[in-house]
Protein backbone atom coordinates (compact mmCIF):
# COMPACT_ATOMS: atom_id res chain seq x y z
CA MET A 1 -7.47 10.58 4.96
CA LYS A 2 -9.82 10.75 2.01
CA GLN A 3 -7.50 10.16 -0.93
CA ILE A 4 -5.13 7.36 -1.84
CA HIS A 5 -1.48 8.36 -1.86
CA LEU A 6 1.89 6.65 -1.88
CA ARG A 7 4.84 7.51 0.36
CA VAL A 8 8.22 6.06 -0.66
CA THR A 9 11.42 5.80 1.40
CA TYR A 10 14.60 5.69 -0.65
CA ARG A 11 18.11 4.36 -0.01
CA ASP A 12 21.12 6.63 -0.43
CA ASP A 13 21.58 5.33 -3.98
CA GLY A 14 18.07 6.42 -4.93
CA SER A 15 16.51 2.97 -5.04
CA PRO A 16 13.26 2.40 -3.12
CA PHE A 17 13.65 0.82 0.31
CA ALA A 18 9.99 0.65 1.31
CA ALA A 19 6.70 2.32 0.48
CA TYR A 20 3.31 2.83 2.11
CA LEU A 21 0.05 3.09 0.22
CA HIS A 22 -2.33 5.19 2.31
CA LEU A 23 -5.96 4.26 1.64
CA PRO A 24 -9.09 6.29 2.43
CA SER A 25 -9.80 6.20 6.17
CA LYS A 26 -11.31 8.25 8.96
CA PRO A 27 -9.12 10.73 10.84
CA ASN A 28 -7.09 8.99 13.56
CA GLU A 29 -8.24 5.55 12.39
CA LYS A 30 -5.89 2.94 13.85
CA ARG A 31 -4.60 -0.39 12.69
CA ALA A 32 -6.01 -3.27 14.73
CA LYS A 33 -4.15 -6.07 12.97
CA CYS A 34 -1.67 -6.77 10.20
CA ARG A 35 -1.67 -9.46 7.55
CA ARG A 36 1.40 -10.41 5.53
CA VAL A 37 0.82 -11.05 1.83
CA GLU A 38 3.47 -12.19 -0.62
CA PRO A 39 5.26 -10.76 -2.41
CA GLY A 40 6.40 -8.16 0.10
CA MET A 41 3.21 -6.58 1.43
CA ILE A 42 1.86 -6.03 4.93
CA LEU A 43 -1.80 -5.07 5.12
CA ASP A 44 -3.03 -2.72 7.86
CA ILE A 45 -6.60 -3.54 8.85
CA ASN A 46 -8.83 -1.64 11.28
CA LYS A 47 -11.02 -3.18 13.99
CA GLU A 48 -13.96 -3.43 11.55
CA GLY A 49 -11.85 -5.43 9.09
CA LYS A 50 -11.42 -2.55 6.62
CA LEU A 51 -8.12 -2.25 4.80
CA ILE A 52 -6.60 1.14 5.67
CA GLY A 53 -3.08 0.83 4.24
CA ILE A 54 -0.55 -1.38 2.51
CA GLU A 55 3.12 -1.40 3.42
CA LEU A 56 5.34 -2.46 0.54
CA THR A 57 8.34 -4.08 2.20
CA ALA A 58 9.81 -5.26 -1.11
CA PRO A 59 8.68 -2.51 -3.48
CA ARG A 60 10.63 -3.85 -6.47
CA LEU A 61 8.79 -7.18 -6.26
CA VAL A 62 5.23 -5.87 -5.87
CA THR A 63 3.28 -5.21 -9.05
CA LEU A 64 0.21 -3.11 -9.76
CA GLY A 65 -1.65 -6.40 -10.27
CA ASP A 66 -0.58 -7.65 -6.81
CA ILE A 67 -1.90 -4.50 -5.16
CA ASN A 68 -5.15 -4.49 -7.12
CA LYS A 69 -5.76 -8.14 -6.25
CA VAL A 70 -5.58 -7.23 -2.54
CA LEU A 71 -7.82 -4.19 -3.04
CA GLU A 72 -10.38 -6.35 -4.86
CA GLU A 73 -10.31 -8.88 -2.02
CA TYR A 74 -11.32 -6.07 0.36
CA GLY A 75 -14.03 -4.73 -1.97
CA MET A 76 -12.07 -1.66 -3.02
CA GLU A 77 -11.58 -0.05 -6.42
CA PRO A 78 -8.32 -0.81 -8.23
CA ILE A 79 -5.64 1.85 -8.40
CA LYS A 80 -4.14 3.16 -11.62
CA GLU A 81 -0.48 2.93 -12.57
CA ALA A 82 -0.14 6.70 -11.99
CA THR A 83 -0.58 6.11 -8.24
CA LEU A 84 2.62 4.07 -8.23
CA LYS A 85 4.51 6.53 -10.44
CA PRO A 86 6.91 7.65 -7.64
CA LEU A 87 7.85 4.01 -7.05
CA LEU A 88 8.18 3.11 -10.72
CA ALA A 89 10.34 6.15 -11.44
CA ALA A 90 13.04 5.03 -8.97
């Protein structure tokens, strides 16, 4: 996957239940380990230590700043608010 995109799962009432931020990765790249980060994030990391995705287990608690702090820690560019638009619209 070459582009960043967000997939959101919603409850019946339309509120977000969980979300997954897909980060650029090679085709069929697999998670080798996970790391829990508060508030409400699980980081998927490949065998080389590269961040390949972020699961948002508490999407209402996670802010753009929280996500960008993690991305910075892994040497990645910050995302813009527009990337989280599907989550913020719920």
